[in-house]
Amino acid sequence: MFSLNNVLYFQVGLGTLANIFLLFFYTVIILCHRSKPMDLISCQLTFVHIMMFLTGGDIWLTDLFESLNIENDFKCKATFYINRVMRGLSICITCLLSVFQAVTISPNTSLLAKFKHKLKKYMIFSFFYFWSFNLSFSSNRIFYVGAYTNMSETNQLKVTKYCSLFPMNYIIRGLILTMTTSRDVFLVGVMLTTSAYMVIILFRHQRQCKHLHSNSHLRASPEKRATQIILLLVVFFVVMYWVDFIISSTSVLLWMYDPVILTVQKFVMNAYPTITPLIQISSDNRMIITLKNMQKICHQIF
């Protein structure tokens, strides 16, 4: 169990540092350079992932609240609520990323082509809707989470060192699970649909290129490379999200959380926000150039 926690701490540290670097990079690009619409979405997703790490367990923000002598009940409600909002935003913004990339690479003859010139406008509306929806959607969790006490250990479902879920009747538990499942199934369905659409476009593009050029002269365009990265992220997200969802849903329905299972669930939940910035950093030429320039500066200084 101790080694599992060490792996979890390493994962959280790596993911947080990678996302902070990515957030700084996208902020500079958006404020000082000509940014792409996808940069705004990636910047938002990076911020969401940082907040997920800060509120995702017994470390970081909870330790800050403890140093400020904030009572456990408020600490639990605040961190659990923020974490649930961020998890909802993560799936929403990942879905948005997939949809917008599908629109970006769609042929000019397709129905989606008319939305290309209005992407930024729709993006702002989407952000506003997603934040409003998830802030209200997760508000019910405030009433069913609080500080863990040994006095009523048998009635509480311990989810972190200090926090637990309070008992709720089967109707409310089933209603919350149904609403959450409906949201996730819809968004994952949209992601898989747009992913299939992008795969078809890439396949057609590759087939056309083979007719026009020899294989030795084929080179991946920036749009194709970006699409492949997003497809990879979407597939990885869907797998990790549903593994996490199955574990958490089963635990809540059975009202039983094994400490090892809880640690594994946290590791699975943190896998996507840890891997995403590493893939983006290694695949974005702008970041690779920035890192090389930083390396040269460091060599000159030292």
C-alpha atoms as a PDB file:
ATOM      1  CA  MET A   1       0.000   0.000   0.000  1.00  0.00           C
ATOM      2  CA  PHE A   2       2.910   2.346   0.834  1.00  0.00           C
ATOM      3  CA  SER A   3       4.535   1.733  -2.569  1.00  0.00           C
ATOM      4  CA  LEU A   4       1.199   2.377  -4.333  1.00  0.00           C
ATOM      5  CA  ASN A   5       0.922   5.729  -2.572  1.00  0.00           C
ATOM      6  CA  ASN A   6       4.481   6.620  -3.614  1.00  0.00           C
ATOM      7  CA  VAL A   7       3.620   5.856  -7.246  1.00  0.00           C
ATOM      8  CA  LEU A   8       0.485   8.003  -6.887  1.00  0.00           C
ATOM      9  CA  TYR A   9       2.476  10.921  -5.425  1.00  0.00           C
ATOM     10  CA  PHE A  10       5.027  10.669  -8.243  1.00  0.00           C
ATOM     11  CA  GLN A  11       2.216  10.642 -10.815  1.00  0.00           C
ATOM     12  CA  VAL A  12       0.547  13.686  -9.246  1.00  0.00           C
ATOM     13  CA  GLY A  13       3.866  15.581  -9.090  1.00  0.00           C
ATOM     14  CA  LEU A  14       4.760  14.777 -12.700  1.00  0.00           C
ATOM     15  CA  GLY A  15       1.274  15.614 -13.964  1.00  0.00           C
ATOM     16  CA  THR A  16       1.090  18.890 -12.057  1.00  0.00           C
ATOM     17  CA  LEU A  17       4.496  20.123 -13.269  1.00  0.00           C
ATOM     18  CA  ALA A  18       3.763  19.149 -16.887  1.00  0.00           C
ATOM     19  CA  ASN A  19       0.370  20.881 -16.822  1.00  0.00           C
ATOM     20  CA  ILE A  20       1.790  24.031 -15.180  1.00  0.00           C
ATOM     21  CA  PHE A  21       4.421  24.262 -17.934  1.00  0.00           C
ATOM     22  CA  LEU A  22       1.731  23.730 -20.574  1.00  0.00           C
ATOM     23  CA  LEU A  23      -0.565  26.346 -19.001  1.00  0.00           C
ATOM     24  CA  PHE A  24       2.284  28.887 -18.948  1.00  0.00           C
ATOM     25  CA  PHE A  25       3.126  28.114 -22.585  1.00  0.00           C
ATOM     26  CA  TYR A  26      -0.471  28.436 -23.820  1.00  0.00           C
ATOM     27  CA  THR A  27      -0.990  31.636 -21.811  1.00  0.00           C
ATOM     28  CA  VAL A  28       2.060  33.229 -23.472  1.00  0.00           C
ATOM     29  CA  ILE A  29       0.911  32.035 -26.919  1.00  0.00           C
ATOM     30  CA  ILE A  30      -2.625  33.383 -26.421  1.00  0.00           C
ATOM     31  CA  LEU A  31      -1.537  36.756 -24.976  1.00  0.00           C
ATOM     32  CA  CYS A  32       1.591  37.477 -27.032  1.00  0.00           C
ATOM     33  CA  HIS A  33       1.269  35.547 -30.287  1.00  0.00           C
ATOM     34  CA  ARG A  34      -1.265  34.574 -32.878  1.00  0.00           C
ATOM     35  CA  SER A  35      -3.026  31.642 -31.245  1.00  0.00           C
ATOM     36  CA  LYS A  36      -5.112  28.904 -32.826  1.00  0.00           C
ATOM     37  CA  PRO A  37      -8.655  28.098 -31.626  1.00  0.00           C
ATOM     38  CA  MET A  38      -7.338  24.756 -30.347  1.00  0.00           C
ATOM     39  CA  ASP A  39      -4.862  26.602 -28.097  1.00  0.00           C
ATOM     40  CA  LEU A  40      -7.765  28.137 -26.155  1.00  0.00           C
ATOM     41  CA  ILE A  41      -9.347  24.720 -25.619  1.00  0.00           C
ATOM     42  CA  SER A  42      -6.032  23.117 -24.630  1.00  0.00           C
ATOM     43  CA  CYS A  43      -5.314  25.986 -22.205  1.00  0.00           C
ATOM     44  CA  GLN A  44      -8.699  25.499 -20.546  1.00  0.00           C
ATOM     45  CA  LEU A  45      -8.212  21.726 -20.353  1.00  0.00           C
ATOM     46  CA  THR A  46      -4.759  22.197 -18.803  1.00  0.00           C
ATOM     47  CA  PHE A  47      -6.152  24.487 -16.086  1.00  0.00           C
ATOM     48  CA  VAL A  48      -8.890  21.936 -15.336  1.00  0.00           C
ATOM     49  CA  HIS A  49      -6.310  19.163 -14.974  1.00  0.00           C
ATOM     50  CA  ILE A  50      -4.201  21.236 -12.565  1.00  0.00           C
ATOM     51  CA  MET A  51      -7.269  21.804 -10.385  1.00  0.00           C
ATOM     52  CA  MET A  52      -8.060  18.066 -10.532  1.00  0.00           C
ATOM     53  CA  PHE A  53      -4.613  17.296  -9.142  1.00  0.00           C
ATOM     54  CA  LEU A  54      -4.880  19.965  -6.424  1.00  0.00           C
ATOM     55  CA  THR A  55      -8.241  18.676  -5.173  1.00  0.00           C
ATOM     56  CA  GLY A  56      -7.912  14.973  -5.955  1.00  0.00           C
ATOM     57  CA  GLY A  57      -6.916  13.442  -2.619  1.00  0.00           C
ATOM     58  CA  ASP A  58      -5.161  13.838   0.711  1.00  0.00           C
ATOM     59  CA  ILE A  59      -2.486  16.239  -0.551  1.00  0.00           C
ATOM     60  CA  TRP A  60      -1.968  19.716  -2.012  1.00  0.00           C
ATOM     61  CA  LEU A  61      -5.086  21.833  -1.421  1.00  0.00           C
ATOM     62  CA  THR A  62      -6.249  19.798   1.574  1.00  0.00           C
ATOM     63  CA  ASP A  63      -2.866  20.353   3.231  1.00  0.00           C
ATOM     64  CA  LEU A  64      -3.172  24.088   2.519  1.00  0.00           C
ATOM     65  CA  PHE A  65      -6.599  24.188   4.176  1.00  0.00           C
ATOM     66  CA  GLU A  66      -5.186  22.304   7.177  1.00  0.00           C
ATOM     67  CA  SER A  67      -2.327  24.817   7.566  1.00  0.00           C
ATOM     68  CA  LEU A  68      -4.906  27.634   7.556  1.00  0.00           C
ATOM     69  CA  ASN A  69      -6.855  25.882  10.343  1.00  0.00           C
ATOM     70  CA  ILE A  70      -9.967  25.549   8.189  1.00  0.00           C
ATOM     71  CA  GLU A  71     -12.361  22.986   9.630  1.00  0.00           C
ATOM     72  CA  ASN A  72     -12.507  19.565   8.015  1.00  0.00           C
ATOM     73  CA  ASP A  73     -16.161  19.706   7.003  1.00  0.00           C
ATOM     74  CA  PHE A  74     -15.715  22.829   4.843  1.00  0.00           C
ATOM     75  CA  LYS A  75     -12.427  21.465   3.506  1.00  0.00           C
ATOM     76  CA  CYS A  76     -14.120  18.234   2.397  1.00  0.00           C
ATOM     77  CA  LYS A  77     -17.114  19.917   0.797  1.00  0.00           C
ATOM     78  CA  ALA A  78     -14.939  22.451  -1.060  1.00  0.00           C
ATOM     79  CA  THR A  79     -12.322  20.011  -2.397  1.00  0.00           C
ATOM     80  CA  PHE A  80     -14.841  17.282  -3.291  1.00  0.00           C
ATOM     81  CA  TYR A  81     -17.155  19.735  -5.062  1.00  0.00           C
ATOM     82  CA  ILE A  82     -14.330  21.424  -7.020  1.00  0.00           C
ATOM     83  CA  ASN A  83     -12.887  18.027  -7.987  1.00  0.00           C
ATOM     84  CA  ARG A  84     -16.265  16.803  -9.269  1.00  0.00           C
ATOM     85  CA  VAL A  85     -16.759  20.007 -11.262  1.00  0.00           C
ATOM     86  CA  MET A  86     -13.286  19.641 -12.789  1.00  0.00           C
ATOM     87  CA  ARG A  87     -13.862  15.983 -13.680  1.00  0.00           C
ATOM     88  CA  GLY A  88     -17.075  16.966 -15.441  1.00  0.00           C
ATOM     89  CA  LEU A  89     -15.288  19.782 -17.268  1.00  0.00           C
ATOM     90  CA  SER A  90     -12.507  17.398 -18.306  1.00  0.00           C
ATOM     91  CA  ILE A  91     -14.878  15.144 -20.249  1.00  0.00           C
ATOM     92  CA  CYS A  92     -16.795  18.141 -21.661  1.00  0.00           C
ATOM     93  CA  ILE A  93     -13.693  19.978 -22.901  1.00  0.00           C
ATOM     94  CA  THR A  94     -12.132  16.783 -24.288  1.00  0.00           C
ATOM     95  CA  CYS A  95     -15.377  16.265 -26.217  1.00  0.00           C
ATOM     96  CA  LEU A  96     -15.195  19.880 -27.411  1.00  0.00           C
ATOM     97  CA  LEU A  97     -11.594  19.333 -28.554  1.00  0.00           C
ATOM     98  CA  SER A  98     -12.670  16.321 -30.606  1.00  0.00           C
ATOM     99  CA  VAL A  99     -15.661  18.127 -32.170  1.00  0.00           C
ATOM    100  CA  PHE A 100     -13.678  21.241 -33.099  1.00  0.00           C
ATOM    101  CA  GLN A 101     -10.866  19.215 -34.674  1.00  0.00           C
ATOM    102  CA  ALA A 102     -13.457  17.321 -36.722  1.00  0.00           C
ATOM    103  CA  VAL A 103     -14.853  20.661 -37.935  1.00  0.00           C
ATOM    104  CA  THR A 104     -11.347  21.995 -38.659  1.00  0.00           C
ATOM    105  CA  ILE A 105     -10.336  19.123 -40.941  1.00  0.00           C
ATOM    106  CA  SER A 106     -13.741  18.630 -42.583  1.00  0.00           C
ATOM    107  CA  PRO A 107     -13.779  19.129 -46.378  1.00  0.00           C
ATOM    108  CA  ASN A 108     -15.213  22.371 -47.747  1.00  0.00           C
ATOM    109  CA  THR A 109     -18.057  20.414 -49.322  1.00  0.00           C
ATOM    110  CA  SER A 110     -19.253  18.946 -46.002  1.00  0.00           C
ATOM    111  CA  LEU A 111     -22.046  20.288 -43.782  1.00  0.00           C
ATOM    112  CA  LEU A 112     -19.525  21.090 -41.012  1.00  0.00           C
ATOM    113  CA  ALA A 113     -17.522  23.435 -43.262  1.00  0.00           C
ATOM    114  CA  LYS A 114     -19.882  26.370 -42.620  1.00  0.00           C
ATOM    115  CA  PHE A 115     -18.906  26.366 -38.926  1.00  0.00           C
ATOM    116  CA  LYS A 116     -15.152  26.774 -39.577  1.00  0.00           C
ATOM    117  CA  HIS A 117     -15.182  30.577 -39.584  1.00  0.00           C
ATOM    118  CA  LYS A 118     -17.241  30.792 -36.377  1.00  0.00           C
ATOM    119  CA  LEU A 119     -15.196  28.413 -34.199  1.00  0.00           C
ATOM    120  CA  LYS A 120     -14.034  31.078 -31.712  1.00  0.00           C
ATOM    121  CA  LYS A 121     -17.578  32.381 -31.253  1.00  0.00           C
ATOM    122  CA  TYR A 122     -18.976  28.896 -30.598  1.00  0.00           C
ATOM    123  CA  MET A 123     -16.006  28.132 -28.356  1.00  0.00           C
ATOM    124  CA  ILE A 124     -16.780  31.003 -25.960  1.00  0.00           C
ATOM    125  CA  PHE A 125     -20.426  29.937 -25.767  1.00  0.00           C
ATOM    126  CA  SER A 126     -19.362  26.338 -25.158  1.00  0.00           C
ATOM    127  CA  PHE A 127     -17.030  27.318 -22.309  1.00  0.00           C
ATOM    128  CA  PHE A 128     -19.742  29.382 -20.640  1.00  0.00           C
ATOM    129  CA  TYR A 129     -22.287  26.567 -20.973  1.00  0.00           C
ATOM    130  CA  PHE A 130     -19.915  23.839 -19.747  1.00  0.00           C
ATOM    131  CA  TRP A 131     -18.852  25.810 -16.664  1.00  0.00           C
ATOM    132  CA  SER A 132     -22.439  26.763 -15.789  1.00  0.00           C
ATOM    133  CA  PHE A 133     -23.708  23.225 -16.349  1.00  0.00           C
ATOM    134  CA  ASN A 134     -21.016  21.474 -14.283  1.00  0.00           C
ATOM    135  CA  LEU A 135     -21.118  24.005 -11.425  1.00  0.00           C
ATOM    136  CA  SER A 136     -24.847  23.370 -11.053  1.00  0.00           C
ATOM    137  CA  PHE A 137     -24.752  19.655 -11.922  1.00  0.00           C
ATOM    138  CA  SER A 138     -22.272  18.824  -9.144  1.00  0.00           C
ATOM    139  CA  SER A 139     -23.882  21.039  -6.482  1.00  0.00           C
ATOM    140  CA  ASN A 140     -25.880  18.117  -5.038  1.00  0.00           C
ATOM    141  CA  ARG A 141     -22.614  16.501  -3.897  1.00  0.00           C
ATOM    142  CA  ILE A 142     -22.153  19.244  -1.276  1.00  0.00           C
ATOM    143  CA  PHE A 143     -25.014  17.817   0.785  1.00  0.00           C
ATOM    144  CA  TYR A 144     -23.696  14.245   0.794  1.00  0.00           C
ATOM    145  CA  VAL A 145     -20.034  14.720   1.660  1.00  0.00           C
ATOM    146  CA  GLY A 146     -18.337  15.918   4.845  1.00  0.00           C
ATOM    147  CA  ALA A 147     -15.636  15.313   7.429  1.00  0.00           C
ATOM    148  CA  TYR A 148     -14.976  11.677   8.294  1.00  0.00           C
ATOM    149  CA  THR A 149     -15.714  10.744  11.920  1.00  0.00           C
ATOM    150  CA  ASN A 150     -15.114   7.426  13.676  1.00  0.00           C
ATOM    151  CA  MET A 151     -18.363   7.896  15.585  1.00  0.00           C
ATOM    152  CA  SER A 152     -20.476   6.753  12.647  1.00  0.00           C
ATOM    153  CA  GLU A 153     -17.937   4.723  10.740  1.00  0.00           C
ATOM    154  CA  THR A 154     -20.431   2.065   9.657  1.00  0.00           C
ATOM    155  CA  ASN A 155     -22.735   4.589   7.957  1.00  0.00           C
ATOM    156  CA  GLN A 156     -20.101   6.569   6.077  1.00  0.00           C
ATOM    157  CA  LEU A 157     -18.224   5.709   2.892  1.00  0.00           C
ATOM    158  CA  LYS A 158     -14.662   6.909   3.408  1.00  0.00           C
ATOM    159  CA  VAL A 159     -13.251   8.318   0.150  1.00  0.00           C
ATOM    160  CA  THR A 160     -10.151  10.184   1.412  1.00  0.00           C
ATOM    161  CA  LYS A 161      -8.191  10.470   4.651  1.00  0.00           C
ATOM    162  CA  TYR A 162     -10.506  13.150   6.047  1.00  0.00           C
ATOM    163  CA  CYS A 163     -13.663  12.922   3.907  1.00  0.00           C
ATOM    164  CA  SER A 164     -16.546  10.539   3.494  1.00  0.00           C
ATOM    165  CA  LEU A 165     -19.859  10.260   1.701  1.00  0.00           C
ATOM    166  CA  PHE A 166     -22.919  10.393   3.931  1.00  0.00           C
ATOM    167  CA  PRO A 167     -25.632   7.729   3.625  1.00  0.00           C
ATOM    168  CA  MET A 168     -28.312   8.410   1.004  1.00  0.00           C
ATOM    169  CA  ASN A 169     -31.391   6.404   0.101  1.00  0.00           C
ATOM    170  CA  TYR A 170     -31.409   4.194  -2.972  1.00  0.00           C
ATOM    171  CA  ILE A 171     -33.663   6.522  -4.987  1.00  0.00           C
ATOM    172  CA  ILE A 172     -31.326   9.535  -4.647  1.00  0.00           C
ATOM    173  CA  ARG A 173     -28.266   7.347  -5.198  1.00  0.00           C
ATOM    174  CA  GLY A 174     -29.797   5.839  -8.327  1.00  0.00           C
ATOM    175  CA  LEU A 175     -30.945   9.256  -9.598  1.00  0.00           C
ATOM    176  CA  ILE A 176     -27.454  10.775  -9.245  1.00  0.00           C
ATOM    177  CA  LEU A 177     -25.887   7.731 -10.928  1.00  0.00           C
ATOM    178  CA  THR A 178     -28.425   7.830 -13.785  1.00  0.00           C
ATOM    179  CA  MET A 179     -27.869  11.559 -14.415  1.00  0.00           C
ATOM    180  CA  THR A 180     -24.081  11.171 -14.363  1.00  0.00           C
ATOM    181  CA  THR A 181     -24.189   8.103 -16.611  1.00  0.00           C
ATOM    182  CA  SER A 182     -26.503   9.859 -19.099  1.00  0.00           C
ATOM    183  CA  ARG A 183     -24.148  12.834 -19.353  1.00  0.00           C
ATOM    184  CA  ASP A 184     -21.067  10.662 -19.777  1.00  0.00           C
ATOM    185  CA  VAL A 185     -22.648   8.277 -22.307  1.00  0.00           C
ATOM    186  CA  PHE A 186     -23.801  11.237 -24.429  1.00  0.00           C
ATOM    187  CA  LEU A 187     -20.390  12.961 -24.393  1.00  0.00           C
ATOM    188  CA  VAL A 188     -18.440   9.754 -25.010  1.00  0.00           C
ATOM    189  CA  GLY A 189     -20.858   8.968 -27.849  1.00  0.00           C
ATOM    190  CA  VAL A 190     -20.140  12.370 -29.414  1.00  0.00           C
ATOM    191  CA  MET A 191     -16.381  11.809 -28.999  1.00  0.00           C
ATOM    192  CA  LEU A 192     -16.510   8.379 -30.630  1.00  0.00           C
ATOM    193  CA  THR A 193     -18.691   9.688 -33.481  1.00  0.00           C
ATOM    194  CA  THR A 194     -16.360  12.600 -34.252  1.00  0.00           C
ATOM    195  CA  SER A 195     -13.346  10.296 -33.888  1.00  0.00           C
ATOM    196  CA  ALA A 196     -14.820   7.860 -36.420  1.00  0.00           C
ATOM    197  CA  TYR A 197     -15.517  10.817 -38.745  1.00  0.00           C
ATOM    198  CA  MET A 198     -11.904  12.011 -38.443  1.00  0.00           C
ATOM    199  CA  VAL A 199     -10.570   8.493 -39.126  1.00  0.00           C
ATOM    200  CA  ILE A 200     -12.684   8.339 -42.313  1.00  0.00           C
ATOM    201  CA  ILE A 201     -11.374  11.745 -43.456  1.00  0.00           C
ATOM    202  CA  LEU A 202      -7.758  10.726 -42.770  1.00  0.00           C
ATOM    203  CA  PHE A 203      -8.258   7.449 -44.622  1.00  0.00           C
ATOM    204  CA  ARG A 204      -9.713   9.230 -47.660  1.00  0.00           C
ATOM    205  CA  HIS A 205      -6.922  11.825 -47.579  1.00  0.00           C
ATOM    206  CA  GLN A 206      -4.248   9.141 -47.416  1.00  0.00           C
ATOM    207  CA  ARG A 207      -5.820   7.237 -50.298  1.00  0.00           C
ATOM    208  CA  GLN A 208      -5.926  10.402 -52.436  1.00  0.00           C
ATOM    209  CA  CYS A 209      -2.281  11.164 -51.630  1.00  0.00           C
ATOM    210  CA  LYS A 210      -1.238   7.677 -52.702  1.00  0.00           C
ATOM    211  CA  HIS A 211      -2.832   8.284 -56.084  1.00  0.00           C
ATOM    212  CA  LEU A 212      -1.089  11.645 -56.494  1.00  0.00           C
ATOM    213  CA  HIS A 213       2.349  10.928 -55.036  1.00  0.00           C
ATOM    214  CA  SER A 214       4.640   8.027 -54.359  1.00  0.00           C
ATOM    215  CA  ASN A 215       4.854   6.779 -50.796  1.00  0.00           C
ATOM    216  CA  SER A 216       8.398   8.149 -50.457  1.00  0.00           C
ATOM    217  CA  HIS A 217       7.128  11.707 -50.904  1.00  0.00           C
ATOM    218  CA  LEU A 218       4.247  11.466 -48.455  1.00  0.00           C
ATOM    219  CA  ARG A 219       4.567  13.711 -45.441  1.00  0.00           C
ATOM    220  CA  ALA A 220       2.132  14.224 -42.590  1.00  0.00           C
ATOM    221  CA  SER A 221       0.537  17.674 -42.609  1.00  0.00           C
ATOM    222  CA  PRO A 222       0.184  19.629 -39.325  1.00  0.00           C
ATOM    223  CA  GLU A 223      -3.602  19.067 -39.450  1.00  0.00           C
ATOM    224  CA  LYS A 224      -3.132  15.323 -39.900  1.00  0.00           C
ATOM    225  CA  ARG A 225      -0.606  15.145 -37.064  1.00  0.00           C
ATOM    226  CA  ALA A 226      -2.877  17.187 -34.756  1.00  0.00           C
ATOM    227  CA  THR A 227      -5.845  14.947 -35.626  1.00  0.00           C
ATOM    228  CA  GLN A 228      -3.860  11.794 -34.858  1.00  0.00           C
ATOM    229  CA  ILE A 229      -2.832  13.231 -31.468  1.00  0.00           C
ATOM    230  CA  ILE A 230      -6.431  14.127 -30.602  1.00  0.00           C
ATOM    231  CA  LEU A 231      -7.631  10.664 -31.668  1.00  0.00           C
ATOM    232  CA  LEU A 232      -4.998   9.122 -29.393  1.00  0.00           C
ATOM    233  CA  LEU A 233      -6.052  11.346 -26.481  1.00  0.00           C
ATOM    234  CA  VAL A 234      -9.755  10.617 -27.020  1.00  0.00           C
ATOM    235  CA  VAL A 235      -9.252   6.836 -27.086  1.00  0.00           C
ATOM    236  CA  PHE A 236      -7.042   6.959 -23.985  1.00  0.00           C
ATOM    237  CA  PHE A 237      -9.523   9.232 -22.203  1.00  0.00           C
ATOM    238  CA  VAL A 238     -12.518   7.008 -22.972  1.00  0.00           C
ATOM    239  CA  VAL A 239     -10.751   3.887 -21.656  1.00  0.00           C
ATOM    240  CA  MET A 240      -9.470   5.555 -18.455  1.00  0.00           C
ATOM    241  CA  TYR A 241     -12.735   7.419 -17.793  1.00  0.00           C
ATOM    242  CA  TRP A 242     -14.898   4.333 -17.970  1.00  0.00           C
ATOM    243  CA  VAL A 243     -12.536   2.255 -15.828  1.00  0.00           C
ATOM    244  CA  ASP A 244     -12.714   5.037 -13.219  1.00  0.00           C
ATOM    245  CA  PHE A 245     -16.488   5.309 -13.618  1.00  0.00           C
ATOM    246  CA  ILE A 246     -17.046   1.561 -13.179  1.00  0.00           C
ATOM    247  CA  ILE A 247     -14.903   1.458 -10.018  1.00  0.00           C
ATOM    248  CA  SER A 248     -16.527   4.523  -8.413  1.00  0.00           C
ATOM    249  CA  SER A 249     -20.098   3.554  -9.393  1.00  0.00           C
ATOM    250  CA  THR A 250     -19.705  -0.005  -8.102  1.00  0.00           C
ATOM    251  CA  SER A 251     -18.226   1.246  -4.834  1.00  0.00           C
ATOM    252  CA  VAL A 252     -21.057   3.734  -4.285  1.00  0.00           C
ATOM    253  CA  LEU A 253     -23.782   1.208  -5.169  1.00  0.00           C
ATOM    254  CA  LEU A 254     -22.256  -1.436  -2.872  1.00  0.00           C
ATOM    255  CA  TRP A 255     -21.358   1.296  -0.334  1.00  0.00           C
ATOM    256  CA  MET A 256     -17.882  -0.192   0.119  1.00  0.00           C
ATOM    257  CA  TYR A 257     -14.432   1.229  -0.632  1.00  0.00           C
ATOM    258  CA  ASP A 258     -11.299  -0.889  -0.199  1.00  0.00           C
ATOM    259  CA  PRO A 259      -8.189   1.329   0.416  1.00  0.00           C
ATOM    260  CA  VAL A 260      -6.223  -0.444  -2.335  1.00  0.00           C
ATOM    261  CA  ILE A 261      -9.105  -0.090  -4.814  1.00  0.00           C
ATOM    262  CA  LEU A 262      -9.396   3.593  -3.879  1.00  0.00           C
ATOM    263  CA  THR A 263      -5.679   4.141  -4.594  1.00  0.00           C
ATOM    264  CA  VAL A 264      -5.943   2.294  -7.927  1.00  0.00           C
ATOM    265  CA  GLN A 265      -8.973   4.414  -8.838  1.00  0.00           C
ATOM    266  CA  LYS A 266      -7.035   7.623  -8.104  1.00  0.00           C
ATOM    267  CA  PHE A 267      -4.166   6.369 -10.258  1.00  0.00           C
ATOM    268  CA  VAL A 268      -6.577   5.624 -13.141  1.00  0.00           C
ATOM    269  CA  MET A 269      -8.337   8.979 -12.671  1.00  0.00           C
ATOM    270  CA  ASN A 270      -4.998  10.849 -12.815  1.00  0.00           C
ATOM    271  CA  ALA A 271      -3.662   8.898 -15.812  1.00  0.00           C
ATOM    272  CA  TYR A 272      -5.336  11.049 -18.475  1.00  0.00           C
ATOM    273  CA  PRO A 273      -4.364  14.474 -17.036  1.00  0.00           C
ATOM    274  CA  THR A 274      -0.794  13.169 -16.585  1.00  0.00           C
ATOM    275  CA  ILE A 275      -0.333  11.690 -20.060  1.00  0.00           C
ATOM    276  CA  THR A 276      -2.116  14.499 -21.973  1.00  0.00           C
ATOM    277  CA  PRO A 277       0.452  17.304 -21.369  1.00  0.00           C
ATOM    278  CA  LEU A 278       3.371  14.944 -22.034  1.00  0.00           C
ATOM    279  CA  ILE A 279       1.883  13.975 -25.422  1.00  0.00           C
ATOM    280  CA  GLN A 280       1.089  17.600 -26.268  1.00  0.00           C
ATOM    281  CA  ILE A 281       4.575  18.815 -25.308  1.00  0.00           C
ATOM    282  CA  SER A 282       6.300  16.096 -27.345  1.00  0.00           C
ATOM    283  CA  SER A 283       4.081  16.571 -30.416  1.00  0.00           C
ATOM    284  CA  ASP A 284       3.806  20.376 -30.680  1.00  0.00           C
ATOM    285  CA  ASN A 285       6.715  21.800 -32.720  1.00  0.00           C
ATOM    286  CA  ARG A 286       6.309  25.204 -31.018  1.00  0.00           C
ATOM    287  CA  MET A 287       6.954  23.638 -27.617  1.00  0.00           C
ATOM    288  CA  ILE A 288       9.866  21.568 -28.870  1.00  0.00           C
ATOM    289  CA  ILE A 289      11.495  24.739 -30.262  1.00  0.00           C
ATOM    290  CA  THR A 290      10.796  26.564 -26.967  1.00  0.00           C
ATOM    291  CA  LEU A 291      12.390  23.759 -24.925  1.00  0.00           C
ATOM    292  CA  LYS A 292      15.457  23.732 -27.196  1.00  0.00           C
ATOM    293  CA  ASN A 293      15.826  27.513 -26.801  1.00  0.00           C
ATOM    294  CA  MET A 294      15.520  27.172 -23.019  1.00  0.00           C
ATOM    295  CA  GLN A 295      18.198  24.480 -23.087  1.00  0.00           C
ATOM    296  CA  LYS A 296      20.554  26.765 -25.053  1.00  0.00           C
ATOM    297  CA  ILE A 297      19.966  29.620 -22.597  1.00  0.00           C
ATOM    298  CA  CYS A 298      20.718  27.306 -19.651  1.00  0.00           C
ATOM    299  CA  HIS A 299      23.964  26.161 -21.295  1.00  0.00           C
ATOM    300  CA  GLN A 300      24.988  29.796 -21.855  1.00  0.00           C
ATOM    301  CA  ILE A 301      24.262  30.740 -18.229  1.00  0.00           C
ATOM    302  CA  PHE A 302      25.944  27.724 -16.646  1.00  0.00           C
END
